[in-house]
Amino acid sequence: MAIHGLVDWKDNPINKQKHGGVKAAGFIYFLVVMLNMAYVPNILTLVTYLHDTMHTGVASSSTIVTNFIGVTCAFALLGAFLSDSYITRFTTILIFGPFEFLMIILVIYDRLFVPFARKITGYSSGIMSLQRIGIGFFFMPISTCIAALIEMKRKHIVEENGDPISVFWLSVQFFILGINDVTNFVGLLEFCNGEVSRGMKSIGTAIFWCVIGLPSLIGSFLVGIVNTVSRNGDEEGTRWLEGNTLNESQLDKFYWLLSVIGFIAFLNYLFWARKYVYRHNPRISVS
């Protein structure tokens, strides 16, 4: 069945049976992978450059980068305004595609997890969007707890013999962060896009990017607060995140603080999510 008012790149009417879906988004997934291969290393290199070349502190280097991420995510509002008001979403994606990123793992999520969960729950998307977000909130404090334990172990080994631990110790927390990204990002995007009116879909997506970028800005503020509060009594005291190296900082304590904040945020999210009523019934009939 053709969708009224929509055409493909040859100006032929869109047929919902032939167009759209995961296949149509294949080029976006490829773009995202290529973008991450360039974007993520550049972000990490920027922190190293600010610290080693510009001689900014560890905390300052980190907050400069998180501020950059937070502000760039807000540019999604500009793209949404142009998309809904002047140009099509497809054109907007082509223009702003190099400035956005997702995860290729979403394909696996869509092809394997969603059909399996759909048969069990009866929901068209496998599980509801707020449930996905809740899973992400649940795993976030777990990842920071593991990060704190690994950092404590790393500092203990350094104090004993001065040897660094293997970088593969970080794989556990990164794996859990991956679970958080897959569930939280997908849930947020689905919620922001599905709970707005049809004429504001791009605005809903832009709100999603603002929600993603806001924690980066809040993180910068939190680092400053922690460094101010954690001063050890006098003007020459060492703050948690102000050492010249990680060995001179107390990153493990900061991770424990993030764990507490994450757990409180999870409980707060559960309270409000249970009160929310969806605009549309997400359940489907299961044969």
Protein backbone atom coordinates (compact mmCIF):
# COMPACT_ATOMS: atom_id res chain seq x y z
CA MET A 1 0.00 0.00 0.00
CA ALA A 2 1.40 3.37 -1.01
CA ILE A 3 1.87 6.02 1.69
CA HIS A 4 0.12 9.24 0.71
CA GLY A 5 2.38 12.21 0.10
CA LEU A 6 5.72 10.38 0.31
CA VAL A 7 7.95 9.53 -2.66
CA ASP A 8 11.29 7.82 -3.12
CA TRP A 9 14.39 9.33 -4.72
CA LYS A 10 12.88 8.70 -8.16
CA ASP A 11 9.65 10.54 -7.21
CA ASN A 12 7.67 7.29 -7.19
CA PRO A 13 5.06 6.78 -4.44
CA ILE A 14 6.40 5.02 -1.35
CA ASN A 15 5.20 1.43 -0.97
CA LYS A 16 5.30 0.41 2.68
CA GLN A 17 5.83 -3.23 1.70
CA LYS A 18 8.98 -2.42 -0.27
CA HIS A 19 10.41 0.70 1.35
CA GLY A 20 11.51 1.62 4.84
CA GLY A 21 12.58 -0.63 7.69
CA VAL A 22 16.07 -1.78 8.61
CA LYS A 23 17.17 -2.26 4.99
CA ALA A 24 16.47 1.36 4.17
CA ALA A 25 18.54 2.43 7.16
CA GLY A 26 21.53 0.32 6.10
CA PHE A 27 23.44 3.27 4.70
CA ILE A 28 22.88 5.14 7.97
CA TYR A 29 24.31 2.23 9.97
CA PHE A 30 27.36 2.19 7.71
CA LEU A 31 27.74 5.95 8.13
CA VAL A 32 27.47 5.58 11.90
CA VAL A 33 30.20 2.94 12.05
CA MET A 34 32.54 5.05 9.93
CA LEU A 35 31.69 8.12 12.02
CA ASN A 36 32.43 6.38 15.31
CA MET A 37 35.76 5.12 13.97
CA ALA A 38 36.75 8.76 13.49
CA TYR A 39 34.75 10.51 16.20
CA VAL A 40 35.50 8.44 19.31
CA PRO A 41 39.31 8.32 18.86
CA ASN A 42 39.31 12.06 18.19
CA ILE A 43 37.43 12.71 21.42
CA LEU A 44 39.91 10.59 23.39
CA THR A 45 42.82 12.25 21.62
CA LEU A 46 41.40 15.66 22.46
CA VAL A 47 41.54 14.86 26.18
CA THR A 48 45.17 13.75 25.81
CA TYR A 49 46.02 16.86 23.80
CA LEU A 50 44.48 19.22 26.35
CA HIS A 51 46.32 17.50 29.19
CA ASP A 52 49.73 16.80 27.64
CA THR A 53 50.12 19.70 25.20
CA MET A 54 47.95 22.48 26.63
CA HIS A 55 48.83 21.45 30.21
CA THR A 56 45.29 21.58 31.53
CA GLY A 57 44.42 19.38 34.50
CA VAL A 58 42.85 15.95 34.17
CA ALA A 59 39.49 17.26 35.37
CA SER A 60 39.61 20.37 33.17
CA SER A 61 40.50 18.34 30.07
CA SER A 62 37.59 16.02 30.71
CA THR A 63 35.06 18.79 31.32
CA ILE A 64 36.11 20.70 28.20
CA VAL A 65 35.40 17.61 26.11
CA THR A 66 32.09 16.81 27.84
CA ASN A 67 31.00 20.43 27.36
CA PHE A 68 31.83 20.07 23.67
CA ILE A 69 29.76 16.88 23.40
CA GLY A 70 26.83 18.41 25.27
CA VAL A 71 26.70 21.53 23.12
CA THR A 72 27.05 19.66 19.81
CA CYS A 73 24.15 17.35 20.74
CA ALA A 74 21.95 20.44 21.16
CA PHE A 75 22.44 21.23 17.45
CA ALA A 76 19.91 18.46 16.80
CA LEU A 77 17.24 21.09 17.51
CA LEU A 78 18.46 23.10 14.51
CA GLY A 79 18.24 20.05 12.27
CA ALA A 80 14.77 19.24 13.58
CA PHE A 81 13.54 22.78 12.91
CA LEU A 82 14.86 22.70 9.34
CA SER A 83 13.44 19.22 8.77
CA ASP A 84 9.91 19.92 9.99
CA SER A 85 9.68 23.44 8.58
CA TYR A 86 11.64 23.66 5.32
CA ILE A 87 13.25 20.42 4.08
CA THR A 88 12.46 16.71 4.31
CA ARG A 89 13.85 14.40 6.97
CA PHE A 90 15.78 12.46 4.36
CA THR A 91 17.54 15.60 3.16
CA THR A 92 18.22 16.63 6.74
CA ILE A 93 19.81 13.25 7.48
CA LEU A 94 22.06 13.59 4.44
CA ILE A 95 23.14 17.07 5.55
CA PHE A 96 23.56 16.46 9.27
CA GLY A 97 24.42 12.77 9.10
CA PRO A 98 28.18 13.33 9.63
CA PHE A 99 27.39 15.07 12.93
CA GLU A 100 25.33 12.30 14.51
CA PHE A 101 26.14 8.81 15.74
CA LEU A 102 24.27 5.63 16.69
CA MET A 103 25.40 1.99 17.12
CA ILE A 104 25.53 -0.83 14.58
CA ILE A 105 24.47 -3.20 17.34
CA LEU A 106 20.96 -1.82 16.89
CA VAL A 107 20.63 -4.07 13.84
CA ILE A 108 21.26 -7.16 15.95
CA TYR A 109 18.89 -5.80 18.57
CA ASP A 110 16.15 -5.28 15.99
CA ARG A 111 16.63 -8.64 14.25
CA LEU A 112 17.09 -10.93 17.26
CA PHE A 113 15.94 -9.47 20.57
CA VAL A 114 12.79 -7.65 19.47
CA PRO A 115 11.13 -10.62 17.66
CA PHE A 116 11.95 -12.92 20.59
CA ALA A 117 10.61 -10.50 23.20
CA ARG A 118 7.52 -9.74 21.08
CA LYS A 119 6.41 -13.37 21.28
CA ILE A 120 6.67 -13.33 25.07
CA THR A 121 5.29 -9.91 25.99
CA GLY A 122 2.90 -9.21 23.15
CA TYR A 123 4.29 -5.72 22.64
CA SER A 124 5.00 -4.64 19.07
CA SER A 125 8.50 -3.45 20.01
CA GLY A 126 9.31 -6.41 22.27
CA ILE A 127 9.28 -4.37 25.44
CA MET A 128 7.91 -0.88 26.06
CA SER A 129 10.19 2.10 25.60
CA LEU A 130 10.10 3.08 29.27
CA GLN A 131 11.10 -0.47 30.18
CA ARG A 132 14.12 -0.22 27.87
CA ILE A 133 15.13 3.06 29.47
CA GLY A 134 14.71 1.50 32.90
CA ILE A 135 17.11 -1.30 31.98
CA GLY A 136 19.66 1.33 30.99
CA PHE A 137 19.18 3.18 34.28
CA PHE A 138 19.63 -0.12 36.14
CA PHE A 139 22.92 -1.03 34.47
CA MET A 140 24.49 2.43 34.73
CA PRO A 141 25.28 2.31 38.50
CA ILE A 142 26.44 -1.29 38.07
CA SER A 143 29.00 -0.19 35.49
CA THR A 144 30.32 2.59 37.75
CA CYS A 145 30.54 0.18 40.70
CA ILE A 146 32.65 -2.18 38.61
CA ALA A 147 34.74 0.79 37.41
CA ALA A 148 35.36 1.79 41.04
CA LEU A 149 36.46 -1.73 42.00
CA ILE A 150 38.80 -1.98 39.01
CA GLU A 151 40.30 1.44 39.75
CA MET A 152 40.91 0.38 43.38
CA LYS A 153 42.65 -2.76 42.14
CA ARG A 154 44.73 -0.77 39.65
CA LYS A 155 45.95 1.68 42.28
CA HIS A 156 46.73 -1.16 44.68
CA ILE A 157 48.89 -2.92 42.09
CA VAL A 158 50.65 0.34 41.20
CA GLU A 159 51.41 1.03 44.88
CA GLU A 160 52.80 -2.49 45.37
CA ASN A 161 55.07 -2.91 42.34
CA GLY A 162 54.44 0.00 40.01
CA ASP A 163 53.16 -2.19 37.17
CA PRO A 164 50.04 -1.16 35.22
CA ILE A 165 47.17 -3.62 34.86
CA SER A 166 45.98 -4.95 31.52
CA VAL A 167 43.61 -2.74 29.57
CA PHE A 168 41.33 -5.77 29.20
CA TRP A 169 40.17 -5.17 32.78
CA LEU A 170 38.10 -2.34 31.31
CA SER A 171 36.20 -4.70 29.02
CA VAL A 172 33.72 -5.65 31.76
CA GLN A 173 32.53 -2.12 32.44
CA PHE A 174 32.53 -1.27 28.73
CA PHE A 175 30.38 -4.34 28.04
CA ILE A 176 27.86 -3.20 30.65
CA LEU A 177 27.96 0.33 29.23
CA GLY A 178 27.17 -1.24 25.85
CA ILE A 179 24.05 -2.82 27.35
CA ASN A 180 23.11 0.57 28.75
CA ASP A 181 23.60 2.24 25.36
CA VAL A 182 21.56 -0.32 23.44
CA THR A 183 18.62 -0.22 25.85
CA ASN A 184 18.69 3.40 26.96
CA PHE A 185 19.38 5.00 23.58
CA VAL A 186 16.81 2.88 21.76
CA GLY A 187 14.22 3.41 24.50
CA LEU A 188 14.75 7.17 24.60
CA LEU A 189 14.61 7.52 20.83
CA GLU A 190 11.49 5.38 20.60
CA PHE A 191 9.80 7.26 23.44
CA CYS A 192 10.66 10.75 22.16
CA ASN A 193 9.66 9.86 18.61
CA GLY A 194 6.55 7.83 19.45
CA GLU A 195 4.95 10.05 22.06
CA VAL A 196 4.91 13.26 20.00
CA SER A 197 2.40 14.20 17.32
CA ARG A 198 3.06 13.23 13.70
CA GLY A 199 4.00 16.76 12.68
CA MET A 200 6.70 17.02 15.37
CA LYS A 201 8.64 13.79 14.84
CA SER A 202 11.91 15.58 14.15
CA ILE A 203 11.44 17.73 17.26
CA GLY A 204 10.97 14.53 19.25
CA THR A 205 14.24 13.17 17.86
CA ALA A 206 15.97 16.45 18.66
CA ILE A 207 14.72 16.25 22.24
CA PHE A 208 16.33 12.80 22.38
CA TRP A 209 19.71 14.26 21.42
CA CYS A 210 19.32 17.03 23.97
CA VAL A 211 18.61 14.43 26.64
CA ILE A 212 21.78 12.61 25.56
CA GLY A 213 23.86 15.80 25.58
CA LEU A 214 22.56 17.23 28.86
CA PRO A 215 24.35 14.67 31.09
CA SER A 216 27.66 15.72 29.55
CA LEU A 217 27.06 19.29 30.66
CA ILE A 218 25.87 18.12 34.08
CA GLY A 219 28.99 15.95 34.31
CA SER A 220 31.19 19.00 33.86
CA PHE A 221 29.31 20.76 36.65
CA LEU A 222 29.61 17.68 38.90
CA VAL A 223 33.38 17.47 38.41
CA GLY A 224 33.73 21.07 39.53
CA ILE A 225 31.55 20.50 42.60
CA VAL A 226 33.46 17.35 43.55
CA ASN A 227 36.82 19.10 43.28
CA THR A 228 35.57 21.96 45.42
CA VAL A 229 34.06 19.79 48.14
CA SER A 230 36.85 17.19 48.22
CA ARG A 231 39.66 19.62 49.09
CA ASN A 232 41.60 18.23 52.06
CA GLY A 233 41.36 21.03 54.56
CA ASP A 234 43.86 23.60 53.27
CA GLU A 235 44.70 25.38 50.05
CA GLU A 236 47.30 22.78 49.10
CA GLY A 237 45.00 19.82 49.61
CA THR A 238 44.58 17.24 46.84
CA ARG A 239 41.17 17.05 45.25
CA TRP A 240 39.67 13.82 43.93
CA LEU A 241 40.07 14.70 40.25
CA GLU A 242 42.87 17.26 40.26
CA GLY A 243 45.99 15.10 40.36
CA ASN A 244 48.56 15.42 37.58
CA THR A 245 48.06 11.70 36.86
CA LEU A 246 45.42 9.11 37.63
CA ASN A 247 47.68 7.69 40.33
CA GLU A 248 47.62 11.03 42.15
CA SER A 249 43.84 11.36 41.79
CA GLN A 250 41.08 9.48 43.59
CA LEU A 251 39.01 8.39 40.65
CA ASP A 252 37.65 5.37 42.54
CA LYS A 253 35.85 7.64 45.03
CA PHE A 254 34.34 9.58 42.15
CA TYR A 255 33.07 6.32 40.64
CA TRP A 256 31.46 5.38 43.96
CA LEU A 257 29.76 8.78 44.03
CA LEU A 258 28.45 8.22 40.50
CA SER A 259 27.14 4.82 41.61
CA VAL A 260 25.14 6.39 44.43
CA ILE A 261 23.78 9.10 42.13
CA GLY A 262 22.93 6.48 39.49
CA PHE A 263 21.05 4.32 42.00
CA ILE A 264 19.04 7.31 43.24
CA ALA A 265 18.31 8.30 39.63
CA PHE A 266 17.09 4.76 38.92
CA LEU A 267 14.65 4.87 41.86
CA ASN A 268 13.46 8.32 40.82
CA TYR A 269 12.92 7.08 37.26
CA LEU A 270 10.90 4.09 38.45
CA PHE A 271 8.63 6.37 40.48
CA TRP A 272 7.72 8.59 37.52
CA ALA A 273 7.74 5.90 34.82
CA ARG A 274 5.10 3.86 36.67
CA LYS A 275 2.78 6.88 36.57
CA TYR A 276 3.14 7.54 32.84
CA VAL A 277 0.28 6.64 30.48
CA TYR A 278 1.16 5.95 26.82
CA ARG A 279 -0.64 7.82 24.06
CA HIS A 280 -1.09 4.57 22.12
CA ASN A 281 -1.56 0.99 23.22
CA PRO A 282 1.79 -0.75 22.58
CA ARG A 283 0.33 -4.25 22.84
CA ILE A 284 -0.42 -6.34 19.77
CA SER A 285 -2.34 -9.58 19.37
CA VAL A 286 -0.08 -12.61 19.48
CA SER A 287 -1.05 -15.69 17.52
